[in-house]
N, C-alpha and C. Protein backbone atom coordinates (compact mmCIF):
# COMPACT_ATOMS: atom_id res chain seq x y z
N MET A 1 -40.04 -35.21 9.36
CA MET A 1 -39.83 -34.74 10.72
C MET A 1 -38.36 -34.39 10.95
N LYS A 2 -37.47 -35.26 10.46
CA LYS A 2 -36.03 -35.02 10.63
C LYS A 2 -35.62 -33.71 9.97
N THR A 3 -36.13 -33.46 8.76
CA THR A 3 -35.82 -32.22 8.04
C THR A 3 -36.34 -31.02 8.81
N PHE A 4 -37.54 -31.13 9.35
CA PHE A 4 -38.14 -30.05 10.12
C PHE A 4 -37.27 -29.72 11.34
N LEU A 5 -36.83 -30.75 12.07
CA LEU A 5 -35.96 -30.54 13.23
C LEU A 5 -34.62 -29.94 12.82
N SER A 6 -34.10 -30.35 11.69
CA SER A 6 -32.84 -29.79 11.19
C SER A 6 -33.00 -28.30 10.89
N LEU A 7 -34.12 -27.94 10.29
CA LEU A 7 -34.38 -26.54 9.99
C LEU A 7 -34.49 -25.71 11.27
N ILE A 8 -35.15 -26.25 12.28
CA ILE A 8 -35.27 -25.55 13.56
C ILE A 8 -33.88 -25.36 14.18
N LEU A 9 -33.07 -26.42 14.15
CA LEU A 9 -31.72 -26.33 14.70
C LEU A 9 -30.89 -25.29 13.96
N VAL A 10 -30.95 -25.26 12.65
CA VAL A 10 -30.21 -24.26 11.86
C VAL A 10 -30.69 -22.86 12.23
N ALA A 11 -31.99 -22.68 12.34
CA ALA A 11 -32.54 -21.36 12.71
C ALA A 11 -32.07 -20.93 14.09
N MET A 12 -32.04 -21.89 15.02
CA MET A 12 -31.60 -21.55 16.38
C MET A 12 -30.11 -21.18 16.38
N LEU A 13 -29.30 -21.92 15.66
CA LEU A 13 -27.86 -21.64 15.62
C LEU A 13 -27.56 -20.32 14.93
N SER A 14 -28.30 -20.00 13.87
CA SER A 14 -28.05 -18.75 13.16
C SER A 14 -28.47 -17.54 13.99
N ALA A 15 -29.39 -17.74 14.93
CA ALA A 15 -29.82 -16.65 15.79
C ALA A 15 -28.86 -16.45 16.97
N PHE A 16 -28.01 -17.43 17.22
CA PHE A 16 -27.07 -17.36 18.34
C PHE A 16 -25.91 -16.43 18.03
N THR A 17 -25.63 -15.51 18.92
CA THR A 17 -24.45 -14.66 18.78
C THR A 17 -23.65 -14.72 20.06
N LEU A 18 -22.39 -14.45 19.94
CA LEU A 18 -21.53 -14.45 21.11
C LEU A 18 -21.92 -13.32 22.05
N PRO A 19 -21.71 -13.48 23.35
CA PRO A 19 -21.99 -12.39 24.27
C PRO A 19 -21.22 -11.15 23.84
N GLY A 20 -21.87 -10.01 23.86
CA GLY A 20 -21.19 -8.77 23.51
C GLY A 20 -21.34 -8.39 22.05
N GLY A 21 -21.74 -9.29 21.20
CA GLY A 21 -21.99 -8.88 19.84
C GLY A 21 -21.29 -9.69 18.78
N ASN A 22 -21.04 -9.05 17.67
CA ASN A 22 -20.50 -9.67 16.47
C ASN A 22 -18.98 -9.66 16.49
N PRO A 23 -18.33 -10.82 16.36
CA PRO A 23 -16.88 -10.84 16.39
C PRO A 23 -16.23 -10.49 15.04
N SER A 24 -16.91 -9.72 14.20
CA SER A 24 -16.35 -9.30 12.91
C SER A 24 -16.43 -7.79 12.75
N ILE A 25 -15.35 -7.21 12.25
CA ILE A 25 -15.34 -5.76 11.99
C ILE A 25 -16.22 -5.41 10.80
N HIS A 26 -16.60 -6.42 10.03
CA HIS A 26 -17.40 -6.17 8.82
C HIS A 26 -18.77 -5.57 9.10
N GLN A 27 -19.19 -5.52 10.35
CA GLN A 27 -20.48 -4.92 10.71
C GLN A 27 -20.45 -3.39 10.68
N PHE A 28 -19.25 -2.79 10.63
CA PHE A 28 -19.13 -1.35 10.79
C PHE A 28 -19.12 -0.58 9.47
N LYS A 29 -19.74 0.60 9.55
CA LYS A 29 -19.67 1.62 8.50
C LYS A 29 -19.30 2.90 9.21
N VAL A 30 -18.32 3.63 8.67
CA VAL A 30 -17.89 4.89 9.27
C VAL A 30 -17.83 5.96 8.20
N LYS A 31 -17.92 7.20 8.62
CA LYS A 31 -17.83 8.32 7.69
C LYS A 31 -16.38 8.46 7.22
N SER A 32 -16.20 8.60 5.91
CA SER A 32 -14.85 8.80 5.37
C SER A 32 -14.47 10.27 5.46
N ILE A 33 -13.19 10.52 5.39
CA ILE A 33 -12.68 11.89 5.47
C ILE A 33 -13.18 12.72 4.29
N GLU A 34 -13.55 12.04 3.20
CA GLU A 34 -14.05 12.72 2.01
C GLU A 34 -15.56 12.98 2.07
N GLY A 35 -16.21 12.46 3.14
CA GLY A 35 -17.64 12.68 3.30
C GLY A 35 -18.50 11.50 2.93
N GLY A 36 -17.93 10.47 2.32
CA GLY A 36 -18.68 9.27 1.98
C GLY A 36 -18.71 8.30 3.15
N ILE A 37 -18.85 7.04 2.83
CA ILE A 37 -18.93 5.98 3.84
C ILE A 37 -17.84 4.94 3.57
N ILE A 38 -17.17 4.51 4.62
CA ILE A 38 -16.27 3.37 4.55
C ILE A 38 -17.05 2.20 5.12
N ASP A 39 -17.38 1.23 4.27
CA ASP A 39 -18.16 0.06 4.66
C ASP A 39 -17.19 -1.11 4.81
N PHE A 40 -16.95 -1.53 6.03
CA PHE A 40 -15.98 -2.59 6.28
C PHE A 40 -16.39 -3.93 5.68
N SER A 41 -17.67 -4.12 5.39
CA SER A 41 -18.08 -5.38 4.75
C SER A 41 -17.53 -5.47 3.33
N ALA A 42 -17.18 -4.34 2.74
CA ALA A 42 -16.58 -4.32 1.40
C ALA A 42 -15.16 -4.90 1.40
N PHE A 43 -14.58 -5.08 2.59
CA PHE A 43 -13.20 -5.57 2.69
C PHE A 43 -13.13 -7.07 2.97
N LYS A 44 -14.28 -7.76 2.90
CA LYS A 44 -14.28 -9.21 3.12
C LYS A 44 -13.31 -9.84 2.13
N GLY A 45 -12.50 -10.78 2.63
CA GLY A 45 -11.52 -11.45 1.79
C GLY A 45 -10.14 -10.82 1.84
N LYS A 46 -10.01 -9.69 2.51
CA LYS A 46 -8.71 -9.03 2.69
C LYS A 46 -8.44 -8.81 4.17
N LYS A 47 -7.18 -8.81 4.53
CA LYS A 47 -6.82 -8.41 5.89
C LYS A 47 -7.02 -6.91 5.99
N ILE A 48 -7.23 -6.44 7.21
CA ILE A 48 -7.46 -5.01 7.46
C ILE A 48 -6.52 -4.57 8.57
N LEU A 49 -5.80 -3.47 8.33
CA LEU A 49 -4.97 -2.86 9.37
C LEU A 49 -5.62 -1.53 9.71
N VAL A 50 -6.06 -1.40 10.96
CA VAL A 50 -6.70 -0.18 11.45
C VAL A 50 -5.70 0.57 12.31
N VAL A 51 -5.55 1.88 12.06
CA VAL A 51 -4.55 2.69 12.74
C VAL A 51 -5.16 4.03 13.16
N ASN A 52 -4.98 4.42 14.43
CA ASN A 52 -5.38 5.76 14.83
C ASN A 52 -4.21 6.70 14.54
N THR A 53 -4.48 7.76 13.81
CA THR A 53 -3.42 8.62 13.28
C THR A 53 -3.50 10.05 13.82
N ALA A 54 -2.40 10.78 13.62
CA ALA A 54 -2.33 12.20 13.98
C ALA A 54 -1.26 12.86 13.13
N SER A 55 -1.48 14.10 12.76
CA SER A 55 -0.58 14.81 11.84
C SER A 55 0.59 15.51 12.52
N LYS A 56 0.54 15.71 13.82
CA LYS A 56 1.58 16.46 14.52
C LYS A 56 2.21 15.63 15.64
N CYS A 57 2.50 14.38 15.34
CA CYS A 57 3.00 13.43 16.33
C CYS A 57 4.39 12.95 15.92
N GLY A 58 5.17 12.53 16.88
CA GLY A 58 6.47 11.95 16.58
C GLY A 58 6.37 10.70 15.71
N TYR A 59 5.21 10.04 15.75
CA TYR A 59 5.00 8.84 14.94
C TYR A 59 4.38 9.15 13.57
N THR A 60 4.09 10.42 13.28
CA THR A 60 3.46 10.79 12.01
C THR A 60 4.22 10.27 10.79
N PRO A 61 5.55 10.20 10.81
CA PRO A 61 6.24 9.63 9.64
C PRO A 61 5.84 8.19 9.31
N GLN A 62 5.14 7.51 10.21
CA GLN A 62 4.64 6.17 9.90
C GLN A 62 3.64 6.18 8.74
N TYR A 63 3.07 7.35 8.43
CA TYR A 63 2.20 7.44 7.26
C TYR A 63 2.92 6.93 6.02
N GLU A 64 4.20 7.26 5.89
CA GLU A 64 4.98 6.84 4.73
C GLU A 64 5.05 5.31 4.65
N ALA A 65 5.36 4.66 5.77
CA ALA A 65 5.43 3.19 5.80
C ALA A 65 4.05 2.58 5.59
N LEU A 66 3.02 3.20 6.15
CA LEU A 66 1.66 2.70 5.94
C LEU A 66 1.32 2.70 4.45
N GLU A 67 1.63 3.78 3.77
CA GLU A 67 1.33 3.88 2.34
C GLU A 67 2.13 2.85 1.54
N LYS A 68 3.40 2.65 1.89
CA LYS A 68 4.22 1.66 1.18
C LYS A 68 3.67 0.25 1.37
N VAL A 69 3.30 -0.10 2.60
CA VAL A 69 2.73 -1.43 2.88
C VAL A 69 1.40 -1.58 2.14
N TYR A 70 0.59 -0.53 2.14
CA TYR A 70 -0.69 -0.55 1.44
C TYR A 70 -0.48 -0.82 -0.05
N GLU A 71 0.46 -0.12 -0.66
CA GLU A 71 0.74 -0.30 -2.09
C GLU A 71 1.28 -1.70 -2.36
N GLN A 72 2.18 -2.18 -1.53
CA GLN A 72 2.82 -3.48 -1.76
C GLN A 72 1.85 -4.65 -1.59
N TYR A 73 0.92 -4.54 -0.63
CA TYR A 73 0.05 -5.66 -0.32
C TYR A 73 -1.42 -5.38 -0.63
N ARG A 74 -1.69 -4.40 -1.45
CA ARG A 74 -3.08 -3.98 -1.67
C ARG A 74 -3.99 -5.08 -2.22
N ASP A 75 -3.43 -6.14 -2.79
CA ASP A 75 -4.26 -7.24 -3.27
C ASP A 75 -4.80 -8.09 -2.12
N LYS A 76 -4.17 -7.99 -0.92
CA LYS A 76 -4.64 -8.79 0.21
C LYS A 76 -4.76 -8.01 1.51
N LEU A 77 -4.57 -6.68 1.46
CA LEU A 77 -4.63 -5.84 2.67
C LEU A 77 -5.27 -4.50 2.38
N VAL A 78 -6.11 -4.06 3.31
CA VAL A 78 -6.64 -2.69 3.29
C VAL A 78 -6.18 -2.03 4.58
N ILE A 79 -5.69 -0.83 4.47
CA ILE A 79 -5.34 -0.04 5.66
C ILE A 79 -6.39 1.05 5.79
N VAL A 80 -6.88 1.24 7.00
CA VAL A 80 -7.84 2.32 7.26
C VAL A 80 -7.29 3.16 8.40
N GLY A 81 -7.06 4.45 8.12
CA GLY A 81 -6.57 5.37 9.13
C GLY A 81 -7.73 6.11 9.78
N PHE A 82 -7.61 6.29 11.10
CA PHE A 82 -8.62 7.00 11.87
C PHE A 82 -7.97 8.19 12.56
N PRO A 83 -7.99 9.37 11.92
CA PRO A 83 -7.45 10.56 12.59
C PRO A 83 -8.18 10.82 13.90
N ALA A 84 -7.40 11.10 14.95
CA ALA A 84 -7.97 11.34 16.27
C ALA A 84 -7.14 12.38 17.01
N ASN A 85 -7.79 13.21 17.77
CA ASN A 85 -7.13 14.30 18.49
C ASN A 85 -7.08 14.02 19.99
N ASN A 86 -6.96 12.75 20.37
CA ASN A 86 -7.03 12.36 21.77
C ASN A 86 -5.73 12.52 22.55
N PHE A 87 -4.62 12.67 21.88
CA PHE A 87 -3.33 12.66 22.58
C PHE A 87 -2.53 13.93 22.25
N GLY A 88 -2.38 14.78 23.25
CA GLY A 88 -1.57 15.98 23.09
C GLY A 88 -2.06 16.94 22.03
N ALA A 89 -3.35 16.90 21.69
CA ALA A 89 -3.93 17.77 20.65
C ALA A 89 -3.08 17.73 19.37
N GLN A 90 -2.67 16.50 18.99
CA GLN A 90 -1.78 16.34 17.84
C GLN A 90 -2.50 16.13 16.51
N GLU A 91 -3.83 16.24 16.53
CA GLU A 91 -4.62 16.22 15.29
C GLU A 91 -5.69 17.29 15.37
N PRO A 92 -5.25 18.58 15.36
CA PRO A 92 -6.19 19.67 15.58
C PRO A 92 -6.99 20.08 14.33
N GLY A 93 -6.58 19.64 13.16
CA GLY A 93 -7.18 20.12 11.91
C GLY A 93 -8.57 19.59 11.62
N THR A 94 -9.15 20.18 10.58
CA THR A 94 -10.44 19.72 10.06
C THR A 94 -10.19 18.50 9.17
N ASP A 95 -11.25 17.81 8.79
CA ASP A 95 -11.10 16.69 7.88
C ASP A 95 -10.39 17.12 6.59
N GLY A 96 -10.76 18.27 6.05
CA GLY A 96 -10.13 18.76 4.82
C GLY A 96 -8.64 19.02 5.00
N GLU A 97 -8.28 19.63 6.11
CA GLU A 97 -6.86 19.91 6.38
C GLU A 97 -6.07 18.62 6.57
N ILE A 98 -6.65 17.66 7.27
CA ILE A 98 -5.99 16.38 7.50
C ILE A 98 -5.78 15.65 6.17
N GLN A 99 -6.83 15.61 5.37
CA GLN A 99 -6.75 14.94 4.07
C GLN A 99 -5.67 15.58 3.19
N GLU A 100 -5.65 16.89 3.12
CA GLU A 100 -4.66 17.59 2.30
C GLU A 100 -3.25 17.31 2.81
N PHE A 101 -3.04 17.35 4.12
CA PHE A 101 -1.73 17.05 4.71
C PHE A 101 -1.27 15.65 4.34
N CYS A 102 -2.15 14.67 4.51
CA CYS A 102 -1.78 13.26 4.25
C CYS A 102 -1.44 13.02 2.78
N LYS A 103 -2.20 13.63 1.89
CA LYS A 103 -1.92 13.46 0.45
C LYS A 103 -0.67 14.21 0.03
N ALA A 104 -0.54 15.46 0.45
CA ALA A 104 0.59 16.29 0.03
C ALA A 104 1.91 15.81 0.64
N ARG A 105 1.89 15.48 1.90
CA ARG A 105 3.14 15.13 2.59
C ARG A 105 3.56 13.68 2.41
N PHE A 106 2.57 12.76 2.37
CA PHE A 106 2.90 11.33 2.35
C PHE A 106 2.27 10.56 1.18
N GLY A 107 1.51 11.23 0.34
CA GLY A 107 0.89 10.56 -0.80
C GLY A 107 -0.11 9.48 -0.40
N VAL A 108 -0.78 9.68 0.72
CA VAL A 108 -1.70 8.67 1.26
C VAL A 108 -2.87 8.43 0.30
N LYS A 109 -3.05 7.16 -0.06
CA LYS A 109 -4.17 6.75 -0.90
C LYS A 109 -5.11 5.78 -0.17
N PHE A 110 -4.64 5.22 0.96
CA PHE A 110 -5.50 4.30 1.69
C PHE A 110 -6.64 5.08 2.35
N PRO A 111 -7.75 4.41 2.64
CA PRO A 111 -8.90 5.11 3.21
C PRO A 111 -8.61 5.74 4.57
N LEU A 112 -9.14 6.93 4.75
CA LEU A 112 -9.10 7.63 6.03
C LEU A 112 -10.53 7.94 6.45
N SER A 113 -10.79 7.76 7.72
CA SER A 113 -12.12 8.10 8.23
C SER A 113 -12.15 9.59 8.55
N SER A 114 -13.33 10.07 8.79
CA SER A 114 -13.50 11.40 9.37
C SER A 114 -12.88 11.34 10.77
N LYS A 115 -12.46 12.48 11.29
CA LYS A 115 -11.83 12.51 12.62
C LYS A 115 -12.80 11.96 13.67
N ILE A 116 -12.25 11.09 14.55
CA ILE A 116 -13.06 10.44 15.59
C ILE A 116 -12.34 10.55 16.94
N SER A 117 -12.95 9.97 17.95
CA SER A 117 -12.32 9.80 19.26
C SER A 117 -12.05 8.31 19.46
N VAL A 118 -10.84 7.99 19.94
CA VAL A 118 -10.45 6.59 20.12
C VAL A 118 -10.38 6.19 21.59
N LYS A 119 -10.79 7.08 22.48
CA LYS A 119 -10.82 6.75 23.91
C LYS A 119 -11.80 7.69 24.61
N GLY A 120 -12.14 7.35 25.84
CA GLY A 120 -13.00 8.21 26.64
C GLY A 120 -14.48 7.99 26.40
N ASP A 121 -15.27 8.88 26.97
CA ASP A 121 -16.72 8.77 26.90
C ASP A 121 -17.27 8.89 25.48
N ASP A 122 -16.54 9.59 24.61
CA ASP A 122 -17.01 9.78 23.24
C ASP A 122 -16.30 8.85 22.25
N MET A 123 -15.73 7.74 22.75
CA MET A 123 -15.03 6.77 21.90
C MET A 123 -15.98 6.27 20.81
N ALA A 124 -15.48 6.26 19.58
CA ALA A 124 -16.27 5.77 18.44
C ALA A 124 -16.61 4.29 18.63
N PRO A 125 -17.79 3.87 18.20
CA PRO A 125 -18.21 2.47 18.36
C PRO A 125 -17.20 1.46 17.80
N ILE A 126 -16.58 1.77 16.68
CA ILE A 126 -15.62 0.83 16.09
C ILE A 126 -14.42 0.64 17.02
N TYR A 127 -14.02 1.69 17.72
CA TYR A 127 -12.91 1.57 18.66
C TYR A 127 -13.33 0.87 19.95
N LYS A 128 -14.59 1.02 20.34
CA LYS A 128 -15.09 0.23 21.47
C LYS A 128 -14.97 -1.26 21.12
N TRP A 129 -15.33 -1.59 19.89
CA TRP A 129 -15.25 -2.98 19.45
C TRP A 129 -13.78 -3.44 19.38
N LEU A 130 -12.92 -2.63 18.80
CA LEU A 130 -11.50 -2.99 18.64
C LEU A 130 -10.81 -3.22 19.98
N THR A 131 -11.17 -2.45 20.99
CA THR A 131 -10.44 -2.48 22.26
C THR A 131 -11.06 -3.37 23.33
N SER A 132 -12.18 -4.02 23.03
CA SER A 132 -12.88 -4.81 24.04
C SER A 132 -13.01 -6.28 23.64
N LYS A 133 -12.41 -7.15 24.44
CA LYS A 133 -12.51 -8.59 24.19
C LYS A 133 -13.96 -9.05 24.22
N ALA A 134 -14.77 -8.42 25.07
CA ALA A 134 -16.19 -8.77 25.12
C ALA A 134 -16.88 -8.50 23.79
N GLU A 135 -16.35 -7.55 23.02
CA GLU A 135 -16.92 -7.20 21.72
C GLU A 135 -16.26 -7.96 20.57
N ASN A 136 -14.92 -7.97 20.54
CA ASN A 136 -14.20 -8.56 19.39
C ASN A 136 -13.88 -10.03 19.58
N GLY A 137 -14.05 -10.55 20.79
CA GLY A 137 -13.87 -11.96 21.06
C GLY A 137 -12.43 -12.43 21.22
N VAL A 138 -11.45 -11.51 21.11
CA VAL A 138 -10.05 -11.94 21.12
C VAL A 138 -9.20 -11.24 22.17
N LEU A 139 -9.27 -9.90 22.22
CA LEU A 139 -8.36 -9.20 23.11
C LEU A 139 -8.91 -7.88 23.60
N ASP A 140 -8.37 -7.45 24.74
CA ASP A 140 -8.60 -6.11 25.26
C ASP A 140 -7.35 -5.30 24.93
N ALA A 141 -7.53 -4.03 24.58
CA ALA A 141 -6.40 -3.16 24.29
C ALA A 141 -6.73 -1.76 24.79
N THR A 142 -5.71 -1.06 25.21
CA THR A 142 -5.85 0.33 25.62
C THR A 142 -5.08 1.18 24.63
N ILE A 143 -5.78 2.13 24.02
CA ILE A 143 -5.13 3.04 23.09
C ILE A 143 -4.37 4.05 23.95
N ALA A 144 -3.05 3.93 23.95
CA ALA A 144 -2.21 4.75 24.82
C ALA A 144 -1.64 5.97 24.10
N TRP A 145 -1.64 5.96 22.76
CA TRP A 145 -1.09 7.06 21.99
C TRP A 145 -1.52 6.91 20.54
N ASN A 146 -1.05 7.80 19.70
CA ASN A 146 -1.33 7.75 18.27
C ASN A 146 -0.60 6.56 17.62
N PHE A 147 -1.12 6.12 16.50
CA PHE A 147 -0.52 5.07 15.67
C PHE A 147 -0.49 3.69 16.35
N ASN A 148 -1.54 3.39 17.13
CA ASN A 148 -1.76 2.02 17.58
C ASN A 148 -2.40 1.30 16.40
N LYS A 149 -2.11 0.00 16.28
CA LYS A 149 -2.56 -0.74 15.10
C LYS A 149 -3.28 -2.03 15.49
N PHE A 150 -4.35 -2.32 14.76
CA PHE A 150 -5.10 -3.57 14.92
C PHE A 150 -5.11 -4.27 13.57
N LEU A 151 -4.75 -5.55 13.56
CA LEU A 151 -4.77 -6.33 12.33
C LEU A 151 -5.90 -7.35 12.42
N LEU A 152 -6.72 -7.38 11.37
CA LEU A 152 -7.86 -8.29 11.30
C LEU A 152 -7.70 -9.20 10.10
N ASP A 153 -8.24 -10.42 10.22
CA ASP A 153 -8.09 -11.38 9.13
C ASP A 153 -9.12 -11.14 8.03
N GLU A 154 -9.11 -12.00 7.03
CA GLU A 154 -9.99 -11.87 5.86
C GLU A 154 -11.47 -11.99 6.21
N ASN A 155 -11.77 -12.55 7.36
CA ASN A 155 -13.16 -12.67 7.82
C ASN A 155 -13.54 -11.57 8.80
N GLY A 156 -12.65 -10.60 8.99
CA GLY A 156 -12.94 -9.48 9.88
C GLY A 156 -12.72 -9.77 11.34
N LYS A 157 -12.04 -10.88 11.64
CA LYS A 157 -11.78 -11.25 13.03
C LYS A 157 -10.40 -10.75 13.47
N MET A 158 -10.30 -10.37 14.72
CA MET A 158 -9.08 -9.81 15.28
C MET A 158 -7.94 -10.82 15.23
N LEU A 159 -6.79 -10.37 14.72
CA LEU A 159 -5.57 -11.18 14.73
C LEU A 159 -4.59 -10.69 15.78
N ALA A 160 -4.35 -9.36 15.80
CA ALA A 160 -3.30 -8.85 16.69
C ALA A 160 -3.46 -7.34 16.90
N TYR A 161 -2.84 -6.89 17.98
CA TYR A 161 -2.76 -5.47 18.32
C TYR A 161 -1.28 -5.11 18.43
N PHE A 162 -0.93 -3.92 17.93
CA PHE A 162 0.45 -3.44 17.98
C PHE A 162 0.49 -2.01 18.52
N PRO A 163 1.36 -1.72 19.48
CA PRO A 163 1.47 -0.35 19.99
C PRO A 163 2.16 0.57 18.97
N SER A 164 2.21 1.84 19.30
CA SER A 164 2.74 2.87 18.40
C SER A 164 4.14 2.57 17.88
N LYS A 165 5.01 2.06 18.74
CA LYS A 165 6.41 1.88 18.35
C LYS A 165 6.61 0.80 17.28
N VAL A 166 5.62 -0.09 17.09
CA VAL A 166 5.73 -1.11 16.05
C VAL A 166 5.36 -0.45 14.72
N THR A 167 6.33 -0.37 13.82
CA THR A 167 6.10 0.29 12.54
C THR A 167 5.31 -0.62 11.60
N PRO A 168 4.57 -0.02 10.67
CA PRO A 168 3.76 -0.81 9.75
C PRO A 168 4.57 -1.79 8.89
N ASP A 169 5.83 -1.46 8.65
CA ASP A 169 6.68 -2.32 7.82
C ASP A 169 7.57 -3.25 8.64
N SER A 170 7.25 -3.41 9.92
CA SER A 170 8.02 -4.30 10.78
C SER A 170 7.66 -5.76 10.50
N GLU A 171 8.58 -6.65 10.80
CA GLU A 171 8.34 -8.08 10.61
C GLU A 171 7.17 -8.55 11.48
N GLU A 172 6.96 -7.90 12.62
CA GLU A 172 5.85 -8.26 13.50
C GLU A 172 4.50 -8.19 12.77
N ILE A 173 4.37 -7.23 11.87
CA ILE A 173 3.14 -7.08 11.09
C ILE A 173 3.24 -7.83 9.77
N LEU A 174 4.35 -7.67 9.06
CA LEU A 174 4.49 -8.26 7.73
C LEU A 174 4.39 -9.78 7.72
N LYS A 175 4.75 -10.44 8.83
CA LYS A 175 4.67 -11.90 8.85
C LYS A 175 3.25 -12.39 8.61
N TYR A 176 2.25 -11.56 8.92
CA TYR A 176 0.86 -11.93 8.69
C TYR A 176 0.46 -11.78 7.22
N LEU A 177 1.28 -11.07 6.44
CA LEU A 177 0.93 -10.77 5.06
C LEU A 177 1.67 -11.62 4.05
N LYS A 178 2.67 -12.33 4.50
CA LYS A 178 3.50 -13.13 3.58
C LYS A 178 2.94 -14.50 3.35
């Protein structure tokens, strides 16, 4: 009888989820800029830095720092860029044009998603999750411009949000990787 009750309790607890959904980014799959799929569950065990990017922005040179941080910490960090044209039409290109620009100009090797929307009525589901405490369980954030950053832990849980002016190689971010 005790074992039976234990099994019922385990089943009830495993069915319980926090209001608003799953507090892990590992539930998401997004289209990659190359046409494949970026499956966030493949990043379990590594921290994840998510960045909304644009090719014609004053912050675009951050691609260089993103790539350097990615190379330096690739054993414990994955960076995923999300090109978006939400601010000042600063990402007008096609996926192919964006990919070529990032590789040719900055040598980007970290994963890039297909172009998405990071705000408004057509906001991508992953950004709804990233920006809503009800969804991610940790914080609310407003994407105010390009190159906003979200850092997630090895279990896919939200650690921190950083605005555009915080560079990828800043101590504010690197302290989580050391």
